[in-house]
N, C-alpha and C. Protein backbone atom coordinates (compact mmCIF):
# COMPACT_ATOMS: atom_id res chain seq x y z
N UNK A 1 0.55 -0.78 -0.32
CA UNK A 1 0.38 -0.07 -0.04
C UNK A 1 1.19 1.17 0.13
N UNK A 2 0.66 2.76 -0.67
CA UNK A 2 1.42 3.54 -0.68
C UNK A 2 1.13 4.18 0.36
N UNK A 3 2.42 4.67 1.00
CA UNK A 3 2.13 5.75 2.06
C UNK A 3 1.81 6.52 2.11
N UNK A 4 1.65 7.19 0.91
CA UNK A 4 1.76 8.44 0.94
C UNK A 4 -0.23 9.01 0.83
N UNK A 5 -0.80 7.87 0.63
CA UNK A 5 -2.58 7.43 1.05
C UNK A 5 -3.02 8.01 2.34
N UNK A 6 -2.07 7.92 3.77
CA UNK A 6 -2.60 8.31 5.04
C UNK A 6 -1.75 9.66 5.33
N UNK A 7 -2.16 10.81 5.14
CA UNK A 7 -1.84 12.02 5.55
C UNK A 7 -2.34 12.37 7.09
N UNK A 8 -1.69 13.09 7.94
CA UNK A 8 -1.91 13.29 9.18
C UNK A 8 -2.92 15.06 8.82
N UNK A 9 -4.19 14.83 9.82
CA UNK A 9 -4.59 15.64 9.48
C UNK A 9 -4.51 16.91 10.36
N UNK A 10 -4.35 18.00 9.82
CA UNK A 10 -3.94 19.28 10.55
C UNK A 10 -4.78 20.75 10.56
N UNK A 11 -5.37 20.85 11.57
CA UNK A 11 -6.55 21.71 11.45
C UNK A 11 -5.71 23.21 11.56
N UNK A 12 -6.31 23.86 10.30
CA UNK A 12 -6.41 25.62 9.96
C UNK A 12 -7.28 26.48 10.17
N UNK A 13 -7.23 27.33 10.55
CA UNK A 13 -7.90 28.46 10.81
C UNK A 13 -9.39 27.98 10.22
N UNK A 14 -9.54 27.97 9.17
CA UNK A 14 -10.72 27.75 8.61
C UNK A 14 -11.57 26.63 8.74
N UNK A 15 -11.03 25.82 9.22
CA UNK A 15 -11.30 24.35 9.41
C UNK A 15 -12.08 24.32 10.84
N UNK A 16 -11.91 25.24 11.70
CA UNK A 16 -12.03 24.77 13.09
C UNK A 16 -13.44 25.90 13.03
N UNK A 17 -14.78 25.23 14.03
CA UNK A 17 -15.74 25.37 14.08
C UNK A 17 -16.49 25.48 15.47
N UNK A 18 -16.70 26.43 16.49
CA UNK A 18 -16.60 26.67 17.62
C UNK A 18 -17.97 26.48 17.76
N UNK A 19 -18.50 25.99 18.94
CA UNK A 19 -19.64 26.57 19.28
C UNK A 19 -19.53 26.82 20.81
N UNK A 20 -20.89 26.89 21.32
CA UNK A 20 -20.99 27.43 22.72
C UNK A 20 -21.47 26.29 23.65
N UNK A 21 -20.88 26.13 24.52
CA UNK A 21 -21.31 25.10 25.72
C UNK A 21 -21.74 25.26 26.72
N UNK A 22 -22.93 25.08 27.93
CA UNK A 22 -23.32 25.25 28.62
C UNK A 22 -23.39 24.21 29.67
N UNK A 23 -22.44 24.18 30.90
CA UNK A 23 -22.29 23.40 31.82
C UNK A 23 -22.78 23.44 33.32
N UNK A 24 -23.44 22.68 33.86
CA UNK A 24 -24.23 23.27 35.08
C UNK A 24 -23.44 22.31 35.95
N UNK A 25 -22.80 23.20 37.41
CA UNK A 25 -21.59 22.73 38.09
C UNK A 25 -22.53 22.43 39.49
N UNK A 26 -23.52 22.75 39.45
CA UNK A 26 -23.93 22.28 40.49
C UNK A 26 -23.99 20.61 41.22
N UNK A 27 -24.07 20.56 42.47
CA UNK A 27 -23.48 19.24 42.71
C UNK A 27 -22.04 18.54 42.14
N UNK A 28 -21.66 19.05 41.24
CA UNK A 28 -20.54 18.23 40.65
C UNK A 28 -19.15 18.43 41.63
N UNK A 29 -18.14 17.14 41.14
CA UNK A 29 -17.08 17.44 41.73
C UNK A 29 -16.48 18.08 41.28
N UNK A 30 -15.37 18.77 41.79
CA UNK A 30 -14.24 20.11 41.57
C UNK A 30 -13.62 19.45 40.69
N UNK A 31 -12.77 18.72 40.67
CA UNK A 31 -11.49 17.77 39.81
C UNK A 31 -12.04 17.25 38.69
N UNK A 32 -13.52 16.55 38.86
CA UNK A 32 -13.55 15.63 37.53
C UNK A 32 -14.57 16.66 36.62
N UNK A 33 -15.17 17.55 37.35
CA UNK A 33 -16.18 18.72 36.40
C UNK A 33 -14.89 19.30 35.51
N UNK A 34 -13.52 19.90 36.23
CA UNK A 34 -12.55 20.51 36.02
C UNK A 34 -11.97 20.11 34.56
N UNK A 35 -11.62 18.19 34.91
CA UNK A 35 -11.20 18.07 33.61
C UNK A 35 -11.86 17.95 32.46
N UNK A 36 -12.52 17.53 32.60
CA UNK A 36 -13.84 17.76 31.16
C UNK A 36 -13.88 19.14 30.96
N UNK A 37 -14.25 20.03 31.35
CA UNK A 37 -13.81 21.17 31.13
C UNK A 37 -12.85 21.64 29.96
N UNK A 38 -11.40 21.00 31.05
CA UNK A 38 -10.53 21.50 30.27
C UNK A 38 -10.35 20.75 28.50
N UNK A 39 -10.67 19.33 28.70
CA UNK A 39 -10.85 19.01 27.84
C UNK A 39 -11.49 19.52 26.71
N UNK A 40 -13.00 20.16 27.03
CA UNK A 40 -13.71 20.56 25.97
C UNK A 40 -13.03 21.61 25.70
N UNK A 41 -12.24 22.50 26.23
CA UNK A 41 -11.56 24.03 26.33
C UNK A 41 -10.61 23.62 24.98
N UNK A 42 -9.73 22.43 25.30
CA UNK A 42 -8.85 21.83 24.24
C UNK A 42 -8.84 21.71 23.27
N UNK A 43 -10.32 21.32 22.68
CA UNK A 43 -10.95 20.45 21.82
C UNK A 43 -10.60 18.71 21.46
N UNK A 44 -10.08 18.00 22.39
CA UNK A 44 -9.99 16.70 22.64
C UNK A 44 -11.16 15.93 22.33
N UNK A 45 -12.22 16.58 22.51
CA UNK A 45 -13.22 16.06 22.31
C UNK A 45 -14.05 16.35 20.73
N UNK A 46 -13.17 16.47 20.05
CA UNK A 46 -13.47 16.52 18.32
C UNK A 46 -12.63 15.93 17.16
N UNK A 47 -13.03 15.36 16.72
CA UNK A 47 -12.26 14.80 15.34
C UNK A 47 -11.06 15.30 15.05
N UNK A 48 -11.42 16.75 14.59
CA UNK A 48 -10.22 17.76 13.76
C UNK A 48 -9.27 18.33 14.87
N UNK A 49 -9.10 17.84 16.44
CA UNK A 49 -8.00 17.81 17.39
C UNK A 49 -6.94 18.46 16.50
N UNK A 50 -5.69 19.60 16.95
CA UNK A 50 -4.90 19.79 16.57
C UNK A 50 -4.04 19.99 17.99
N UNK A 51 -2.94 19.70 18.36
CA UNK A 51 -2.55 20.06 19.92
C UNK A 51 -1.72 21.73 19.35
N UNK A 52 -1.45 21.94 19.09
CA UNK A 52 -1.23 23.37 18.50
C UNK A 52 -2.09 24.58 18.05
N UNK A 53 -3.35 24.40 18.12
CA UNK A 53 -4.47 24.90 17.54
C UNK A 53 -5.61 25.29 18.83
N UNK A 54 -6.71 26.03 18.44
CA UNK A 54 -7.36 26.09 19.55
C UNK A 54 -8.23 25.86 18.68
N UNK A 55 -8.98 24.58 18.83
CA UNK A 55 -9.81 23.74 18.59
C UNK A 55 -10.95 23.31 19.11
N UNK A 56 -10.86 24.02 20.41
CA UNK A 56 -12.10 23.68 21.56
C UNK A 56 -13.13 24.86 21.17
N UNK A 57 -14.21 24.26 21.94
CA UNK A 57 -15.53 25.50 22.14
C UNK A 57 -15.53 26.17 23.31
N UNK A 58 -16.08 26.90 23.55
CA UNK A 58 -16.73 28.14 24.69
C UNK A 58 -17.31 27.41 25.34
N UNK A 59 -16.80 27.47 26.93
CA UNK A 59 -17.53 27.06 27.89
C UNK A 59 -18.71 28.02 28.81
N UNK A 60 -19.74 27.86 29.27
CA UNK A 60 -20.14 28.64 30.26
C UNK A 60 -20.38 27.55 31.76
N UNK A 61 -19.92 27.95 32.40
CA UNK A 61 -19.95 27.05 33.88
C UNK A 61 -21.25 28.11 34.64
N UNK A 62 -22.19 27.65 35.29
CA UNK A 62 -23.16 28.26 36.14
C UNK A 62 -23.33 27.51 37.29
N UNK A 63 -23.47 27.89 38.60
CA UNK A 63 -23.89 27.58 39.68
C UNK A 63 -22.50 27.20 40.19
N UNK A 64 -21.64 28.27 39.60
CA UNK A 64 -20.15 27.21 40.66
C UNK A 64 -20.28 27.50 42.07
N UNK A 65 -21.47 28.13 42.75
CA UNK A 65 -21.04 28.22 43.95
C UNK A 65 -21.41 27.13 44.83
N UNK A 66 -21.97 26.19 44.02
CA UNK A 66 -22.62 24.86 44.16
C UNK A 66 -21.71 23.51 43.80
N UNK A 67 -20.77 23.94 43.66
CA UNK A 67 -19.34 22.82 43.45
C UNK A 67 -18.91 22.23 44.78
N UNK A 68 -18.88 20.82 44.39
CA UNK A 68 -18.31 19.78 46.00
C UNK A 68 -17.27 19.91 45.43
N UNK A 69 -16.69 19.59 47.07
CA UNK A 69 -15.15 18.84 46.98
C UNK A 69 -15.32 17.87 48.16
N UNK A 70 -14.13 16.68 47.45
CA UNK A 70 -14.68 15.45 48.56
C UNK A 70 -13.48 15.58 49.50
N UNK A 71 -13.82 14.57 50.19
CA UNK A 71 -12.79 14.81 51.52
C UNK A 71 -13.23 15.84 52.70
N UNK A 72 -11.93 16.25 53.26
CA UNK A 72 -12.06 17.20 53.87
C UNK A 72 -11.24 18.51 53.34
N UNK A 73 -11.19 18.13 51.87
CA UNK A 73 -10.44 19.54 50.86
C UNK A 73 -11.22 20.50 51.01
N UNK A 74 -12.39 20.92 51.78
CA UNK A 74 -12.90 22.22 51.56
C UNK A 74 -11.96 23.14 52.84
N UNK A 75 -11.68 22.67 53.96
CA UNK A 75 -11.07 23.13 55.10
C UNK A 75 -9.86 22.84 54.87
N UNK A 76 -9.18 21.53 54.58
CA UNK A 76 -7.60 21.74 54.95
C UNK A 76 -6.77 22.34 53.33
N UNK A 77 -7.35 21.90 52.49
CA UNK A 77 -6.65 22.42 51.41
C UNK A 77 -6.35 23.74 51.26
N UNK A 78 -5.11 24.02 50.58
CA UNK A 78 -5.17 25.86 50.79
C UNK A 78 -4.46 25.96 49.35
N UNK A 79 -4.60 27.57 49.39
CA UNK A 79 -4.26 27.97 47.80
C UNK A 79 -3.49 29.16 48.44
N UNK A 80 -2.24 29.16 47.83
CA UNK A 80 -1.62 30.09 48.16
C UNK A 80 -0.98 31.42 47.39
N UNK A 81 -0.86 32.52 47.66
CA UNK A 81 -0.45 33.76 47.10
C UNK A 81 0.55 34.43 47.76
N UNK A 82 1.16 35.10 47.31
CA UNK A 82 2.09 36.30 48.05
C UNK A 82 1.99 37.94 47.51
N UNK A 83 1.99 38.60 48.30
CA UNK A 83 1.94 39.28 48.23
C UNK A 83 2.77 40.87 47.72
N UNK A 84 4.51 39.83 47.50
CA UNK A 84 5.74 40.54 46.87
C UNK A 84 6.21 41.24 47.94
N UNK A 85 5.85 41.41 48.99
CA UNK A 85 6.29 42.07 50.24
C UNK A 85 7.28 40.96 50.95
N UNK A 86 8.38 41.44 51.57
CA UNK A 86 9.09 40.53 52.59
C UNK A 86 7.69 39.67 53.83
N UNK A 87 6.98 38.57 54.09
CA UNK A 87 6.84 37.55 54.73
C UNK A 87 5.88 37.96 53.90
N UNK A 88 5.13 38.18 52.86
CA UNK A 88 3.92 38.22 52.63
C UNK A 88 3.12 37.33 51.84
N UNK A 89 3.32 35.71 51.99
CA UNK A 89 2.42 35.17 51.90
C UNK A 89 1.19 34.61 52.39
N UNK A 90 0.13 34.79 51.66
CA UNK A 90 -1.07 34.39 52.20
C UNK A 90 -2.00 33.04 51.66
N UNK A 91 -2.69 32.47 52.62
CA UNK A 91 -2.79 31.24 52.29
C UNK A 91 -4.35 31.04 52.58
N UNK A 92 -4.97 30.27 51.62
CA UNK A 92 -7.21 30.62 51.71
C UNK A 92 -7.10 29.30 51.68
N UNK A 93 -8.49 28.78 51.99
CA UNK A 93 -9.27 27.45 51.82
C UNK A 93 -10.49 27.73 50.96
N UNK A 94 -10.24 26.51 50.19
CA UNK A 94 -11.97 26.67 49.37
C UNK A 94 -13.10 27.36 50.27
N UNK A 95 -13.44 26.94 51.59
CA UNK A 95 -14.27 27.26 51.88
C UNK A 95 -14.43 28.94 52.29
N UNK A 96 -13.43 29.68 52.39
CA UNK A 96 -13.36 30.99 52.31
C UNK A 96 -13.17 31.40 50.84
N UNK A 97 -12.54 30.90 49.84
CA UNK A 97 -12.72 31.26 48.69
C UNK A 97 -14.20 31.39 47.74
N UNK A 98 -15.04 30.19 48.48
CA UNK A 98 -16.53 30.01 48.19
C UNK A 98 -17.24 31.24 48.63
N UNK A 99 -16.94 31.55 49.33
CA UNK A 99 -17.64 32.65 49.99
C UNK A 99 -17.30 34.11 49.27
N UNK A 100 -15.68 34.06 49.13
CA UNK A 100 -15.46 35.23 48.53
C UNK A 100 -15.48 35.34 47.21
N UNK A 101 -14.92 34.69 46.07
CA UNK A 101 -14.96 34.86 44.73
C UNK A 101 -14.96 33.03 44.36
N UNK A 102 -16.61 32.61 44.53
CA UNK A 102 -16.62 31.26 43.46
C UNK A 102 -16.47 30.25 42.86
N UNK A 103 -15.78 31.92 41.83
CA UNK A 103 -15.67 31.04 40.11
C UNK A 103 -14.46 30.99 40.30
N UNK A 104 -13.66 31.68 41.54
CA UNK A 104 -11.94 31.29 41.50
C UNK A 104 -11.54 29.77 41.07
N UNK A 105 -12.21 28.77 42.29
CA UNK A 105 -12.16 27.09 42.64
C UNK A 105 -12.11 26.66 40.95
N UNK A 106 -13.04 27.09 40.16
CA UNK A 106 -13.33 26.39 38.99
C UNK A 106 -12.50 27.37 38.11
N UNK A 107 -11.98 28.29 37.97
CA UNK A 107 -11.07 28.75 36.89
C UNK A 107 -9.49 28.27 37.26
N UNK A 108 -9.15 28.08 38.98
CA UNK A 108 -8.08 27.85 38.77
C UNK A 108 -7.87 26.53 38.49
N UNK A 109 -8.76 25.76 38.96
CA UNK A 109 -8.97 24.03 38.79
C UNK A 109 -8.42 23.99 36.69
N UNK A 110 -9.53 24.52 36.48
CA UNK A 110 -9.30 24.13 34.87
C UNK A 110 -7.87 25.38 34.53
N UNK A 111 -7.33 26.05 34.95
CA UNK A 111 -6.28 26.60 34.28
C UNK A 111 -4.97 25.81 34.77
N UNK A 112 -4.49 24.69 35.46
CA UNK A 112 -3.93 23.94 35.74
C UNK A 112 -3.78 22.68 35.05
N UNK A 113 -4.93 23.01 34.37
CA UNK A 113 -5.01 21.55 33.49
C UNK A 113 -5.19 22.00 32.30
N UNK A 114 -4.49 22.97 31.98
CA UNK A 114 -4.24 23.12 30.48
C UNK A 114 -2.96 23.93 30.39
N UNK A 115 -2.24 23.91 29.17
CA UNK A 115 -1.06 24.00 28.96
C UNK A 115 -0.41 25.29 29.33
N UNK A 116 0.72 24.87 29.75
CA UNK A 116 1.14 26.01 30.39
C UNK A 116 1.94 26.93 29.22
N UNK A 117 1.56 27.75 28.45
CA UNK A 117 2.19 28.25 27.07
C UNK A 117 0.89 29.31 26.86
N UNK A 118 1.80 29.75 25.57
CA UNK A 118 0.47 31.23 24.97
C UNK A 118 -0.61 30.49 24.68
N UNK A 119 -0.78 29.33 24.13
CA UNK A 119 -1.99 28.39 23.63
C UNK A 119 -2.98 28.22 24.74
N UNK A 120 -1.89 28.34 26.25
CA UNK A 120 -3.47 27.71 27.05
C UNK A 120 -3.92 28.87 27.73
N UNK A 121 -2.86 30.04 28.16
CA UNK A 121 -3.74 31.22 28.18
C UNK A 121 -4.49 31.72 26.96
N UNK A 122 -4.43 31.51 25.98
CA UNK A 122 -5.48 31.65 25.37
C UNK A 122 -6.71 31.20 25.01
N UNK A 123 -6.79 29.62 25.28
CA UNK A 123 -7.91 29.03 25.91
C UNK A 123 -8.63 29.06 27.46
N UNK A 124 -7.70 29.44 27.92
CA UNK A 124 -8.74 30.22 29.11
C UNK A 124 -9.80 31.32 29.14
N UNK A 125 -9.34 32.01 28.01
CA UNK A 125 -10.16 33.17 27.23
C UNK A 125 -11.61 32.79 27.09
N UNK A 126 -11.69 31.26 26.35
CA UNK A 126 -12.69 30.59 26.08
C UNK A 126 -14.07 29.98 27.25
N UNK A 127 -13.23 30.83 28.72
CA UNK A 127 -14.32 30.02 29.83
C UNK A 127 -14.71 30.89 30.30
N UNK A 128 -15.97 30.85 30.77
CA UNK A 128 -16.96 32.16 31.60
C UNK A 128 -17.50 31.31 32.66
N UNK A 129 -16.89 31.73 33.89
CA UNK A 129 -18.01 30.76 35.36
C UNK A 129 -18.49 32.21 35.77
N UNK A 130 -19.70 31.30 36.20
CA UNK A 130 -20.48 32.42 37.34
C UNK A 130 -21.14 31.40 37.90
N UNK A 131 -21.37 32.40 39.54
CA UNK A 131 -21.91 31.62 40.50
C UNK A 131 -23.00 31.63 40.74
N UNK A 132 -24.04 31.94 39.91
CA UNK A 132 -25.40 31.44 39.96
C UNK A 132 -26.01 31.12 38.72
N UNK A 133 -27.12 30.87 38.67
CA UNK A 133 -27.79 30.27 37.64
C UNK A 133 -27.68 31.31 36.23
N UNK A 134 -27.79 32.50 36.66
CA UNK A 134 -27.82 33.38 35.09
C UNK A 134 -26.23 34.23 34.82
N UNK A 135 -26.65 34.11 33.40
CA UNK A 135 -25.43 34.41 32.26
C UNK A 135 -26.14 35.40 31.49
N UNK A 136 -24.50 36.14 31.02
CA UNK A 136 -25.09 37.30 30.12
C UNK A 136 -25.02 36.88 28.63
N UNK A 137 -25.02 35.53 28.50
CA UNK A 137 -24.53 34.79 27.31
C UNK A 137 -25.53 34.38 26.38
N UNK A 138 -26.78 34.34 26.54
CA UNK A 138 -28.00 33.94 26.36
C UNK A 138 -27.90 33.90 24.54
N UNK A 139 -27.72 34.91 23.76
CA UNK A 139 -27.82 35.15 22.76
C UNK A 139 -26.62 34.29 21.76
N UNK A 140 -25.80 33.63 22.44
CA UNK A 140 -24.88 32.63 21.80
C UNK A 140 -25.83 31.23 21.94
N UNK A 141 -27.43 30.64 22.55
CA UNK A 141 -27.79 29.94 22.16
C UNK A 141 -26.68 28.42 22.61
N UNK A 142 -25.82 28.35 23.40
CA UNK A 142 -25.40 27.55 24.10
C UNK A 142 -26.24 26.17 24.55
N UNK A 143 -25.28 25.54 23.66
CA UNK A 143 -25.82 24.11 24.32
C UNK A 143 -25.93 23.52 25.68
N UNK A 144 -26.63 22.68 26.36
CA UNK A 144 -26.01 22.36 27.26
C UNK A 144 -25.79 21.04 27.40
N UNK A 145 -24.75 20.73 27.97
CA UNK A 145 -24.53 19.36 28.00
C UNK A 145 -24.39 18.50 29.59
N UNK A 146 -24.44 17.33 29.89
CA UNK A 146 -24.33 16.96 31.64
C UNK A 146 -22.82 16.23 31.09
N UNK A 147 -22.24 16.79 32.29
CA UNK A 147 -20.99 15.92 32.63
C UNK A 147 -20.80 14.50 33.43
């Protein structure tokens, strides 16, 4: 058989068709939800996936405040940040973050599952997380999926 007949498909910008996907985070476990969202953002659920291109969909996440964490992670896990001043280490638990900024938990978890380069930063812009059930993207007619 001729080896030239099998060509590896590489998506070009005109081959990519993005759609909007709506995910309800209510009652979902944070890590499992985030890994599926990262896969959709990356485009791995599509047959035209190309590693160096943004072939994924735009993802809307609603009810971020109702996400679950397994075990004692709600109180024992810590998020680290630094104020850039000497002795400026600050630690926050997911319990405190749910009260202050519930969208952080999902966006931070998905960010950690995306590539750490220009493509990863571009893909993260396709994620929109909302604490409650309402979002301003009704005109996009997002397709609701269950994970």
